[in-house]
Amino acid sequence: MPKRDNISMSVIRRLPRYYRFLIQLQEKGVTRISSTELSAKLGLTASQIRQDLNCFGGFGQQGYGYMVDQLCDEIGTILGLQNGYKAILVGAGNLGQAIASHMDFARDGFRLIGIFDNSSFKIGSSLNGVEILDVAKLEDFCQKNDPQMAVLCIPREAASEIIERLYALGIRNFWNFSHADISVKYPDTIVENVHLNDSLMTLCYRVHDKLQPAESLEEK
């Protein structure tokens, strides 16, 4: 698929939401849906949905709507979900274990082929059928298996060394839970940062803001 450098990340970030909703429609046996019906379900305008999808070509017909199966397949192809990029996970603590055990990597475009940790209690066990290896074997494993992406579930203080090792091995794509600022030192990387604390604090602000008493309009 040709590169589409002119498409904004805000559009790209809405595609997984469309895809997830279309999967739900498939499971319910829905075969066709209009942009107006999509907008009512997703809380977006019909115009916004049409504009987003038109960035990648015309998938619907005016007055007819979208075929759910076709649109789902098209968005999956745009996202590259069929590629099964090889991924490794570094850090088999509570977060890493949860991600390895409960994330459907294959559905989301990746194959988890290796998990690494430095704990002797975890090395040799497995998560979701993938053996946990000693992080000392990282170079040997990557040289043999050539993963394209790394999931980082390690403390920030340990991240710098691991990232440097992974970068030296040619890995340029990261799903980053470590809070390390990878792209600052390595600007040629592709990084999706996941800051759970930031998300929770944002929620706290919104709750706090909503529950604040309205300011009095009376003159002081």
Protein backbone atom coordinates (compact mmCIF):
# COMPACT_ATOMS: atom_id res chain seq x y z
CA MET A 1 0.00 0.00 0.00
CA PRO A 2 1.47 3.41 -0.95
CA LYS A 3 2.44 5.82 1.80
CA ARG A 4 -0.12 8.50 2.60
CA ASP A 5 1.96 11.11 4.39
CA ASN A 6 -0.72 13.79 4.06
CA ILE A 7 -3.23 12.01 6.30
CA SER A 8 -3.35 13.39 9.82
CA MET A 9 -2.76 11.21 12.87
CA SER A 10 -6.17 12.23 14.20
CA VAL A 11 -7.73 10.38 11.24
CA ILE A 12 -5.43 7.37 11.73
CA ARG A 13 -6.30 7.19 15.42
CA ARG A 14 -10.02 6.99 14.60
CA LEU A 15 -9.58 3.98 12.29
CA PRO A 16 -9.19 1.39 15.08
CA ARG A 17 -12.41 2.68 16.62
CA TYR A 18 -14.23 2.24 13.30
CA TYR A 19 -12.73 -1.21 12.92
CA ARG A 20 -13.70 -2.31 16.43
CA PHE A 21 -17.28 -1.12 15.93
CA LEU A 22 -17.56 -2.86 12.55
CA ILE A 23 -16.41 -6.12 14.16
CA GLN A 24 -19.22 -5.71 16.68
CA LEU A 25 -21.69 -5.18 13.83
CA GLN A 26 -20.44 -8.35 12.12
CA GLU A 27 -20.97 -10.31 15.32
CA LYS A 28 -24.57 -9.05 15.41
CA GLY A 29 -25.15 -10.05 11.79
CA VAL A 30 -25.45 -6.50 10.46
CA THR A 31 -24.52 -6.41 6.77
CA ARG A 32 -24.99 -2.76 5.82
CA ILE A 33 -24.83 0.58 7.62
CA SER A 34 -25.01 4.23 6.61
CA SER A 35 -22.66 6.99 7.70
CA THR A 36 -25.61 8.55 9.54
CA GLU A 37 -26.16 5.36 11.53
CA LEU A 38 -22.42 5.11 12.19
CA SER A 39 -22.36 8.69 13.42
CA ALA A 40 -25.21 8.06 15.87
CA LYS A 41 -23.38 5.05 17.32
CA LEU A 42 -19.91 6.59 17.45
CA GLY A 43 -20.72 10.15 18.48
CA LEU A 44 -19.12 11.62 15.36
CA THR A 45 -20.74 13.53 12.52
CA ALA A 46 -21.62 11.65 9.35
CA SER A 47 -19.53 14.20 7.46
CA GLN A 48 -16.49 13.45 9.62
CA ILE A 49 -16.82 9.71 9.01
CA ARG A 50 -17.17 10.18 5.26
CA GLN A 51 -14.17 12.53 5.17
CA ASP A 52 -12.04 10.07 7.16
CA LEU A 53 -12.90 7.14 4.91
CA ASN A 54 -12.54 9.19 1.73
CA CYS A 55 -8.87 9.74 2.64
CA PHE A 56 -8.36 6.11 1.62
CA GLY A 57 -10.80 5.86 -1.28
CA GLY A 58 -14.56 5.56 -1.66
CA PHE A 59 -15.96 2.54 0.17
CA GLY A 60 -19.65 3.40 0.29
CA GLN A 61 -22.41 4.37 -2.12
CA GLN A 62 -24.56 7.45 -1.72
CA GLY A 63 -28.01 6.45 -0.57
CA TYR A 64 -26.86 2.89 0.08
CA GLY A 65 -24.26 3.12 2.80
CA TYR A 66 -21.37 0.79 3.56
CA MET A 67 -21.19 -2.97 3.36
CA VAL A 68 -19.98 -3.92 6.83
CA ASP A 69 -17.79 -6.87 5.79
CA GLN A 70 -16.15 -4.95 2.97
CA LEU A 71 -15.50 -1.83 5.04
CA CYS A 72 -14.13 -3.91 7.90
CA ASP A 73 -11.73 -5.69 5.53
CA GLU A 74 -10.67 -2.41 3.91
CA ILE A 75 -9.90 -0.73 7.23
CA GLY A 76 -8.06 -3.83 8.43
CA THR A 77 -5.92 -3.69 5.28
CA ILE A 78 -5.27 0.05 5.72
CA LEU A 79 -4.14 -0.60 9.30
CA GLY A 80 -1.94 -3.47 8.12
CA LEU A 81 -3.52 -5.98 10.47
CA GLN A 82 -2.86 -8.84 8.04
CA ASN A 83 0.92 -8.47 8.24
CA GLY A 84 1.58 -10.24 11.52
CA TYR A 85 4.70 -8.22 12.34
CA LYS A 86 6.96 -10.05 14.77
CA ALA A 87 7.04 -8.54 18.26
CA ILE A 88 8.87 -9.12 21.51
CA LEU A 89 7.95 -8.02 25.02
CA VAL A 90 10.54 -6.93 27.57
CA GLY A 91 9.48 -7.00 31.21
CA ALA A 92 7.30 -9.82 32.52
CA GLY A 93 6.08 -8.04 35.65
CA ASN A 94 2.41 -7.56 36.44
CA LEU A 95 1.81 -5.24 33.49
CA GLY A 96 3.82 -7.33 31.04
CA GLN A 97 2.07 -10.50 32.17
CA ALA A 98 -1.34 -8.88 31.70
CA ILE A 99 -0.46 -7.66 28.20
CA ALA A 100 1.06 -10.97 27.11
CA SER A 101 -1.84 -12.98 28.52
CA HIS A 102 -4.82 -10.87 27.51
CA MET A 103 -3.88 -8.83 24.41
CA ASP A 104 -4.81 -10.46 21.12
CA PHE A 105 -1.64 -9.52 19.25
CA ALA A 106 -2.59 -11.51 16.14
CA ARG A 107 -5.88 -9.64 15.81
CA ASP A 108 -4.07 -6.32 16.09
CA GLY A 109 -1.38 -6.91 13.47
CA PHE A 110 1.47 -8.52 15.42
CA ARG A 111 2.81 -11.92 16.49
CA LEU A 112 4.31 -12.09 19.95
CA ILE A 113 7.35 -14.33 19.47
CA GLY A 114 9.45 -13.64 22.56
CA ILE A 115 9.21 -12.43 26.16
CA PHE A 116 12.20 -11.34 28.24
CA ASP A 117 12.85 -10.71 31.92
CA ASN A 118 15.77 -10.77 34.36
CA SER A 119 13.97 -12.62 37.17
CA SER A 120 15.15 -16.18 37.75
CA PHE A 121 11.67 -16.95 39.11
CA LYS A 122 10.05 -16.07 35.76
CA ILE A 123 12.65 -17.27 33.24
CA GLY A 124 11.64 -20.62 31.79
CA SER A 125 7.93 -20.21 32.48
CA SER A 126 5.53 -19.15 29.74
CA LEU A 127 2.80 -16.63 29.08
CA ASN A 128 0.10 -17.42 26.55
CA GLY A 129 2.32 -20.12 25.09
CA VAL A 130 5.42 -17.93 24.78
CA GLU A 131 8.44 -18.80 26.90
CA ILE A 132 9.99 -16.13 29.11
CA LEU A 133 13.69 -15.89 28.27
CA ASP A 134 16.61 -14.36 30.11
CA VAL A 135 17.07 -10.77 28.92
CA ALA A 136 20.77 -11.61 28.57
CA LYS A 137 19.75 -13.65 25.50
CA LEU A 138 18.07 -10.66 23.84
CA GLU A 139 20.76 -10.10 21.20
CA ASP A 140 21.00 -13.75 20.21
CA PHE A 141 17.22 -14.11 19.93
CA CYS A 142 16.74 -10.94 17.90
CA GLN A 143 19.57 -11.76 15.52
CA LYS A 144 17.97 -15.15 14.83
CA ASN A 145 14.31 -14.05 14.70
CA ASP A 146 14.42 -10.43 13.48
CA PRO A 147 11.46 -8.91 15.38
CA GLN A 148 10.10 -5.62 14.05
CA MET A 149 8.54 -4.27 17.24
CA ALA A 150 9.24 -4.27 20.99
CA VAL A 151 6.75 -3.84 23.83
CA LEU A 152 8.46 -2.17 26.79
CA CYS A 153 6.98 -2.99 30.19
CA ILE A 154 10.01 -2.05 32.24
CA PRO A 155 10.73 0.68 34.81
CA ARG A 156 11.93 3.97 33.37
CA GLU A 157 15.28 3.64 35.11
CA ALA A 158 15.93 0.35 33.30
CA ALA A 159 14.62 1.51 29.94
CA SER A 160 17.63 3.42 28.62
CA GLU A 161 19.93 0.40 28.45
CA ILE A 162 17.26 -1.88 26.97
CA ILE A 163 16.26 0.66 24.34
CA GLU A 164 19.89 1.17 23.36
CA ARG A 165 20.33 -2.58 22.95
CA LEU A 166 17.15 -2.93 20.92
CA TYR A 167 18.05 0.03 18.72
CA ALA A 168 21.46 -1.48 18.05
CA LEU A 169 19.65 -4.66 16.96
CA GLY A 170 17.70 -2.68 14.36
CA ILE A 171 14.38 -2.39 16.17
CA ARG A 172 12.77 0.96 15.39
CA ASN A 173 9.18 0.40 16.50
CA PHE A 174 8.05 0.48 20.12
CA TRP A 175 4.86 0.12 22.14
CA ASN A 176 6.19 1.96 25.14
CA PHE A 177 4.84 1.62 28.68
CA SER A 178 8.16 2.61 30.26
CA HIS A 179 7.68 6.43 30.26
CA ALA A 180 11.10 6.80 28.60
CA ASP A 181 11.18 9.43 25.84
CA ILE A 182 12.49 7.18 23.07
CA SER A 183 11.92 9.47 20.10
CA VAL A 184 13.97 12.29 21.64
CA LYS A 185 17.20 10.29 21.45
CA TYR A 186 16.13 8.17 18.48
CA PRO A 187 14.08 10.39 16.15
CA ASP A 188 13.86 7.73 13.44
CA THR A 189 11.78 5.43 15.64
CA ILE A 190 8.03 4.92 15.59
CA VAL A 191 6.72 5.02 19.16
CA GLU A 192 3.28 4.63 20.65
CA ASN A 193 3.56 5.82 24.25
CA VAL A 194 1.05 4.52 26.77
CA HIS A 195 0.93 6.56 29.97
CA LEU A 196 -1.66 5.01 32.25
CA ASN A 197 -0.97 7.53 35.00
CA ASP A 198 -1.50 10.43 32.62
CA SER A 199 -4.82 8.98 31.53
CA LEU A 200 -5.93 8.50 35.13
CA MET A 201 -4.86 12.05 36.08
CA THR A 202 -6.77 13.40 33.08
CA LEU A 203 -9.85 11.57 34.28
CA CYS A 204 -9.26 12.98 37.78
CA TYR A 205 -9.15 16.50 36.35
CA ARG A 206 -12.40 15.99 34.45
CA VAL A 207 -14.14 14.57 37.52
CA HIS A 208 -12.72 17.35 39.69
CA ASP A 209 -13.73 20.03 37.18
CA LYS A 210 -17.27 18.68 36.86
CA LEU A 211 -17.80 18.47 40.60
CA GLN A 212 -16.54 21.96 41.33
CA PRO A 213 -19.36 24.29 42.47
CA ALA A 214 -20.30 26.88 39.89
CA GLU A 215 -18.76 30.26 40.56
CA SER A 216 -21.15 32.73 42.07
CA LEU A 217 -22.34 35.42 39.70
CA GLU A 218 -22.94 37.79 42.56
CA GLU A 219 -20.59 40.71 42.86
CA LYS A 220 -18.06 40.38 45.61
